[in-house]
């Protein structure tokens, strides 16, 4: 008897400036989802509608958010077996979609609502990491329309990074080498968020590591070293080819093992699920990795880092998505 194909809601778009990257990532994912196994419905999420269209310029149908179903023409409503979430930024990476799906008991492929909300907030992330013994940079948390804690800021050593507290893809982020540049950088970051993090620069080599939880193991994917000609690994470096990404990273096995164990610890401490990407700086002076951030929904475009790691690991992207979906379904039944 032929097995029933799964109805997969491929959620993309979002409310932030990262929605373009989300849609590009979802287009890549859709190509690798086996049509023999899945009925894939790419749903673009906006702040007003959740919309499905069979073709770019064809008719559109809205998702019924009361029960997360889709009715095309006068056919029977489609109920989804699993949601594959590829929304960078809000509401996918901050836990809002996950909380909604939890209430409806729909399995999904990412970290849960609590982990997503926590890791989306850079201040909460570094505070939790530091409390757990994970090395992080010294930082100061700023709030819009509140007086700057000047004493705390003055205690930081330059250069510093100024970044929106919530968000990703390095939008609104600046590297500041001198106190005279700080106020402009803070103003730029506040255009993206009402909270800003000012963080000391950690000198060293930058590495990024994918960690992928399956039903029976946690896989640490091959390590990538990031080298950029830009001032830092910003949006251009990430998505417009202004960086060099070396995989596998040219490091000795002892250093690689320290980085792998640090990545495993981060994954465990934050109770991550699915595939995440964790960024580190290896500080030569201390010979220790410092965690920069956790990306709970890594980019999956042609230029993104996670697909490079999957390929180097020896898997196809089709196998990766199969495993991601199988794991989500398995965990939802426990």
Protein backbone atom coordinates (compact mmCIF):
# COMPACT_ATOMS: atom_id res chain seq x y z
CA UNK A 1 0.00 0.00 0.00
CA UNK A 2 1.41 3.38 -0.99
CA UNK A 3 2.23 5.61 1.99
CA UNK A 4 0.39 8.88 2.32
CA UNK A 5 2.35 11.99 1.40
CA UNK A 6 2.84 14.52 4.19
CA UNK A 7 1.34 17.98 3.89
CA UNK A 8 4.20 20.38 4.64
CA UNK A 9 3.61 24.05 5.39
CA UNK A 10 6.80 25.82 4.27
CA UNK A 11 6.53 29.06 6.22
CA UNK A 12 8.54 31.99 4.90
CA UNK A 13 8.51 35.79 4.66
CA UNK A 14 8.11 37.55 7.98
CA UNK A 15 7.75 41.08 9.25
CA UNK A 16 11.37 42.25 9.31
CA UNK A 17 13.98 43.42 6.81
CA UNK A 18 15.14 39.82 6.59
CA UNK A 19 12.01 38.68 4.74
CA UNK A 20 13.78 38.75 1.36
CA UNK A 21 16.44 36.34 2.65
CA UNK A 22 13.69 34.16 4.14
CA UNK A 23 11.94 33.85 0.79
CA UNK A 24 15.21 33.04 -0.97
CA UNK A 25 15.97 30.36 1.65
CA UNK A 26 12.50 28.85 1.25
CA UNK A 27 12.83 28.72 -2.53
CA UNK A 28 16.01 26.67 -2.11
CA UNK A 29 14.35 24.38 0.46
CA UNK A 30 11.36 23.79 -1.81
CA UNK A 31 13.65 22.43 -4.53
CA UNK A 32 15.04 19.80 -2.19
CA UNK A 33 11.78 18.55 -0.66
CA UNK A 34 10.99 15.24 -2.37
CA UNK A 35 7.65 15.52 -4.23
CA UNK A 36 7.22 11.75 -3.83
CA UNK A 37 7.09 12.24 -0.04
CA UNK A 38 5.62 15.70 0.47
CA UNK A 39 2.88 18.00 -0.69
CA UNK A 40 4.66 21.32 -0.15
CA UNK A 41 2.70 24.54 0.37
CA UNK A 42 4.94 27.61 0.49
CA UNK A 43 3.12 30.12 2.67
CA UNK A 44 4.33 33.71 2.77
CA UNK A 45 3.74 35.26 6.18
CA UNK A 46 3.21 39.03 6.39
CA UNK A 47 1.91 41.23 9.19
CA UNK A 48 -1.57 41.16 7.64
CA UNK A 49 -1.90 37.86 5.73
CA UNK A 50 -0.56 34.32 5.50
CA UNK A 51 -0.86 33.55 1.80
CA UNK A 52 -0.31 30.53 -0.45
CA UNK A 53 0.01 30.72 -4.22
CA UNK A 54 0.74 27.84 -6.61
CA UNK A 55 2.62 30.19 -8.96
CA UNK A 56 4.21 33.60 -8.50
CA UNK A 57 1.50 35.46 -10.38
CA UNK A 58 -1.35 33.00 -9.90
CA UNK A 59 -4.35 33.18 -7.58
CA UNK A 60 -3.70 33.42 -3.85
CA UNK A 61 -5.40 31.69 -0.94
CA UNK A 62 -5.22 32.75 2.69
CA UNK A 63 -4.49 30.43 5.58
CA UNK A 64 -7.24 30.05 8.16
CA UNK A 65 -5.30 30.86 11.32
CA UNK A 66 -8.06 29.57 13.59
CA UNK A 67 -6.98 26.01 12.83
CA UNK A 68 -3.93 26.47 10.52
CA UNK A 69 -5.69 25.07 7.47
CA UNK A 70 -5.73 26.02 3.81
CA UNK A 71 -8.74 25.84 1.52
CA UNK A 72 -8.01 26.05 -2.21
CA UNK A 73 -11.08 26.89 -4.30
CA UNK A 74 -13.95 24.73 -3.03
CA UNK A 75 -11.85 21.71 -2.18
CA UNK A 76 -11.68 20.14 1.26
CA UNK A 77 -9.49 22.18 3.64
CA UNK A 78 -5.88 21.01 3.83
CA UNK A 79 -4.55 20.22 7.32
CA UNK A 80 -0.78 20.31 7.73
CA UNK A 81 1.23 17.44 9.17
CA UNK A 82 4.30 19.56 9.89
CA UNK A 83 5.56 23.12 9.51
CA UNK A 84 9.01 23.73 8.04
CA UNK A 85 9.81 27.19 9.38
CA UNK A 86 12.22 29.33 7.35
CA UNK A 87 11.49 32.82 8.62
CA UNK A 88 14.58 34.79 9.61
CA UNK A 89 13.67 37.49 12.12
CA UNK A 90 10.18 37.99 13.52
CA UNK A 91 7.81 36.14 13.80
CA UNK A 92 9.73 32.94 12.97
CA UNK A 93 13.04 33.29 14.76
CA UNK A 94 11.66 34.91 17.91
CA UNK A 95 9.30 32.10 18.92
CA UNK A 96 5.97 33.69 18.00
CA UNK A 97 5.08 31.22 15.24
CA UNK A 98 6.28 28.34 17.42
CA UNK A 99 3.98 29.39 20.26
CA UNK A 100 1.03 29.54 17.85
CA UNK A 101 1.83 26.08 16.44
CA UNK A 102 2.27 24.65 19.95
CA UNK A 103 -1.27 25.69 20.85
CA UNK A 104 -2.59 23.91 17.75
CA UNK A 105 -0.34 20.87 18.34
CA UNK A 106 1.31 21.17 14.90
CA UNK A 107 4.89 19.80 14.81
CA UNK A 108 7.60 22.15 13.52
CA UNK A 109 11.27 21.92 12.59
CA UNK A 110 12.95 24.55 14.77
CA UNK A 111 13.77 25.31 18.39
CA UNK A 112 10.70 25.72 20.60
CA UNK A 113 9.07 29.03 21.51
CA UNK A 114 11.07 29.59 24.70
CA UNK A 115 14.49 28.87 23.18
CA UNK A 116 13.68 30.92 20.08
CA UNK A 117 12.56 33.94 22.12
CA UNK A 118 15.58 33.70 24.40
CA UNK A 119 18.19 33.40 21.64
CA UNK A 120 16.56 36.12 19.54
CA UNK A 121 17.36 38.55 22.34
CA UNK A 122 21.13 39.00 22.21
CA UNK A 123 21.35 40.33 25.79
CA UNK A 124 19.42 37.39 27.25
CA UNK A 125 21.54 35.03 25.17
CA UNK A 126 24.90 36.29 26.43
CA UNK A 127 23.61 36.53 30.00
CA UNK A 128 22.38 32.92 29.95
CA UNK A 129 25.59 31.75 28.31
CA UNK A 130 27.79 33.54 30.84
CA UNK A 131 25.75 32.09 33.73
CA UNK A 132 26.38 28.62 32.24
CA UNK A 133 30.15 29.10 31.99
CA UNK A 134 30.26 29.84 28.26
CA UNK A 135 32.73 32.58 27.30
CA UNK A 136 31.11 35.76 25.94
CA UNK A 137 32.19 39.37 25.39
CA UNK A 138 31.51 42.09 27.95
CA UNK A 139 28.50 44.18 26.89
CA UNK A 140 26.07 46.97 27.84
CA UNK A 141 22.31 46.86 27.18
CA UNK A 142 20.65 50.09 25.95
CA UNK A 143 16.96 51.02 25.75
CA UNK A 144 15.44 53.55 23.37
CA UNK A 145 14.31 56.85 24.93
CA UNK A 146 16.20 56.10 28.14
CA UNK A 147 19.36 57.78 29.38
CA UNK A 148 22.55 56.00 28.35
CA UNK A 149 24.40 54.24 31.20
CA UNK A 150 27.49 56.27 30.45
CA UNK A 151 29.61 54.86 33.27
CA UNK A 152 29.07 51.31 31.99
CA UNK A 153 29.74 52.36 28.39
CA UNK A 154 32.94 54.15 29.38
CA UNK A 155 34.18 50.96 31.04
CA UNK A 156 34.12 49.09 27.70
CA UNK A 157 37.32 48.77 25.69
CA UNK A 158 37.34 49.82 22.04
CA UNK A 159 36.68 48.66 19.41
CA UNK A 160 33.08 47.68 20.16
CA UNK A 161 30.21 46.29 18.15
CA UNK A 162 26.86 48.07 18.25
CA UNK A 163 23.94 45.90 17.20
CA UNK A 164 20.15 45.73 17.48
CA UNK A 165 19.34 43.47 20.41
CA UNK A 166 16.72 41.52 18.46
CA UNK A 167 17.33 40.45 14.88
CA UNK A 168 19.82 38.84 12.60
CA UNK A 169 21.65 39.07 9.27
CA UNK A 170 23.78 41.91 10.76
CA UNK A 171 21.20 44.55 9.74
CA UNK A 172 21.81 47.77 11.71
CA UNK A 173 25.13 46.54 13.08
CA UNK A 174 28.33 48.63 13.24
CA UNK A 175 31.90 48.19 14.39
CA UNK A 176 33.08 51.27 16.29
CA UNK A 177 36.77 51.99 16.75
CA UNK A 178 36.50 55.28 18.64
CA UNK A 179 34.11 56.85 21.15
CA UNK A 180 33.40 59.71 18.71
CA UNK A 181 31.69 57.22 16.35
CA UNK A 182 29.52 55.61 19.03
CA UNK A 183 26.48 57.84 19.02
CA UNK A 184 25.92 57.51 15.23
CA UNK A 185 26.22 53.72 15.50
CA UNK A 186 23.73 53.62 18.38
CA UNK A 187 21.29 55.77 16.38
CA UNK A 188 21.63 53.40 13.39
CA UNK A 189 20.93 50.34 15.55
CA UNK A 190 17.90 51.99 17.19
CA UNK A 191 16.33 52.33 13.73
CA UNK A 192 16.04 48.52 13.71
CA UNK A 193 15.07 47.86 17.33
CA UNK A 194 14.18 49.65 20.58
CA UNK A 195 16.96 47.79 22.40
CA UNK A 196 20.64 47.89 21.47
CA UNK A 197 23.70 45.96 22.62
CA UNK A 198 27.15 47.53 22.80
CA UNK A 199 29.68 44.72 22.98
CA UNK A 200 33.45 44.62 23.32
CA UNK A 201 35.36 43.33 20.32
CA UNK A 202 37.09 40.00 20.89
CA UNK A 203 40.22 39.71 18.77
CA UNK A 204 40.69 36.43 16.97
CA UNK A 205 39.55 34.17 14.16
CA UNK A 206 35.85 33.78 13.48
CA UNK A 207 34.31 30.33 13.18
CA UNK A 208 30.77 29.17 12.66
CA UNK A 209 29.47 25.71 13.53
CA UNK A 210 26.21 24.00 12.62
CA UNK A 211 24.67 21.68 15.21
CA UNK A 212 21.85 19.40 14.18
CA UNK A 213 19.73 17.31 16.54
CA UNK A 214 18.12 14.16 15.12
CA UNK A 215 15.94 11.55 16.82
CA UNK A 216 18.94 9.71 18.29
CA UNK A 217 22.02 11.97 18.18
CA UNK A 218 23.36 15.50 18.08
CA UNK A 219 25.53 16.07 15.01
CA UNK A 220 28.19 18.77 14.97
CA UNK A 221 28.67 19.75 11.34
CA UNK A 222 32.03 20.70 9.75
CA UNK A 223 33.47 23.99 11.03
CA UNK A 224 33.73 27.01 8.72
CA UNK A 225 36.22 29.84 9.18
CA UNK A 226 34.93 33.25 8.11
CA UNK A 227 37.35 35.77 6.64
CA UNK A 228 36.02 39.04 5.28
CA UNK A 229 37.52 42.02 3.50
CA UNK A 230 34.82 44.19 5.09
CA UNK A 231 35.23 45.81 8.50
CA UNK A 232 33.35 42.83 9.98
CA UNK A 233 31.04 40.00 8.87
CA UNK A 234 28.13 42.29 7.94
CA UNK A 235 25.13 41.88 5.60
CA UNK A 236 27.28 42.41 2.49
CA UNK A 237 29.80 39.86 3.67
CA UNK A 238 27.08 37.32 4.47
CA UNK A 239 24.91 37.65 1.37
CA UNK A 240 26.79 39.61 -1.29
CA UNK A 241 30.03 37.67 -1.58
CA UNK A 242 32.25 40.00 0.46
CA UNK A 243 33.70 37.18 2.55
CA UNK A 244 35.81 34.06 2.25
CA UNK A 245 34.33 30.95 3.82
CA UNK A 246 36.84 28.14 4.35
CA UNK A 247 35.48 24.64 4.93
CA UNK A 248 36.76 22.63 6.60
CA UNK A 249 38.38 25.31 8.74
CA UNK A 250 42.20 25.15 8.65
CA UNK A 251 42.75 24.37 12.34
CA UNK A 252 44.35 21.49 14.21
CA UNK A 253 42.21 18.73 15.66
CA UNK A 254 42.73 19.80 19.26
CA UNK A 255 41.35 23.27 18.55
CA UNK A 256 38.53 21.80 16.46
CA UNK A 257 37.54 19.54 19.36
CA UNK A 258 37.39 22.49 21.77
CA UNK A 259 35.12 24.35 19.33
CA UNK A 260 32.92 21.28 18.80
CA UNK A 261 32.49 20.76 22.53
CA UNK A 262 31.67 24.45 23.00
CA UNK A 263 29.01 24.16 20.27
CA UNK A 264 27.55 21.02 21.86
CA UNK A 265 27.39 22.76 25.24
CA UNK A 266 25.60 25.79 23.75
CA UNK A 267 23.09 23.50 21.99
CA UNK A 268 22.40 21.66 25.26
CA UNK A 269 22.30 24.72 27.56
CA UNK A 270 19.76 26.48 25.35
CA UNK A 271 17.71 23.31 24.77
CA UNK A 272 18.00 23.72 21.00
CA UNK A 273 16.16 21.57 18.46
CA UNK A 274 16.54 21.12 14.73
CA UNK A 275 19.52 22.75 13.03
CA UNK A 276 21.15 25.85 14.50
CA UNK A 277 24.33 27.75 13.65
CA UNK A 278 26.55 29.07 16.41
CA UNK A 279 29.19 31.76 15.80
CA UNK A 280 32.42 31.89 17.79
CA UNK A 281 35.58 33.97 18.00
CA UNK A 282 38.72 32.01 18.86
CA UNK A 283 40.81 34.33 21.01
CA UNK A 284 44.50 33.54 20.56
CA UNK A 285 45.58 35.23 23.80
CA UNK A 286 43.37 33.02 25.99
CA UNK A 287 43.20 30.04 23.60
CA UNK A 288 39.44 29.93 24.19
CA UNK A 289 36.31 30.22 22.04
CA UNK A 290 33.93 33.10 22.78
CA UNK A 291 30.33 32.64 21.67
CA UNK A 292 28.95 35.49 19.57
CA UNK A 293 25.38 34.40 18.86
CA UNK A 294 23.03 31.53 18.09
CA UNK A 295 21.10 31.44 14.81
CA UNK A 296 18.08 29.19 15.38
CA UNK A 297 16.93 29.46 11.75
CA UNK A 298 20.15 29.66 9.72
CA UNK A 299 20.07 30.98 6.16
CA UNK A 300 19.53 28.34 3.52
CA UNK A 301 20.11 30.33 0.32
CA UNK A 302 22.71 29.34 -2.25
CA UNK A 303 25.16 31.71 -0.49
CA UNK A 304 24.38 30.50 3.03
CA UNK A 305 26.70 28.65 5.38
CA UNK A 306 24.47 25.79 6.54
CA UNK A 307 24.12 24.19 3.07
CA UNK A 308 27.93 24.26 2.74
CA UNK A 309 28.23 22.40 6.05
CA UNK A 310 25.63 19.81 5.06
CA UNK A 311 27.44 19.13 1.78
CA UNK A 312 30.85 18.86 3.50
CA UNK A 313 29.32 16.46 6.02
CA UNK A 314 28.40 14.19 3.12
CA UNK A 315 24.65 14.65 3.10
CA UNK A 316 22.39 15.98 0.39
CA UNK A 317 20.03 18.81 1.27
CA UNK A 318 17.16 16.42 0.52
CA UNK A 319 18.41 14.04 3.23
CA UNK A 320 18.82 16.99 5.60
CA UNK A 321 15.22 18.14 5.13
CA UNK A 322 13.93 14.55 5.38
CA UNK A 323 15.73 14.16 8.71
CA UNK A 324 14.57 17.57 9.94
CA UNK A 325 10.94 16.66 9.25
CA UNK A 326 11.24 13.11 10.63
CA UNK A 327 12.78 14.44 13.84
CA UNK A 328 10.06 17.10 14.27
CA UNK A 329 7.34 14.46 13.87
CA UNK A 330 9.08 12.07 16.24
CA UNK A 331 9.61 14.67 18.96
CA UNK A 332 5.99 15.81 18.73
CA UNK A 333 4.86 12.27 19.60
CA UNK A 334 6.91 12.07 22.81
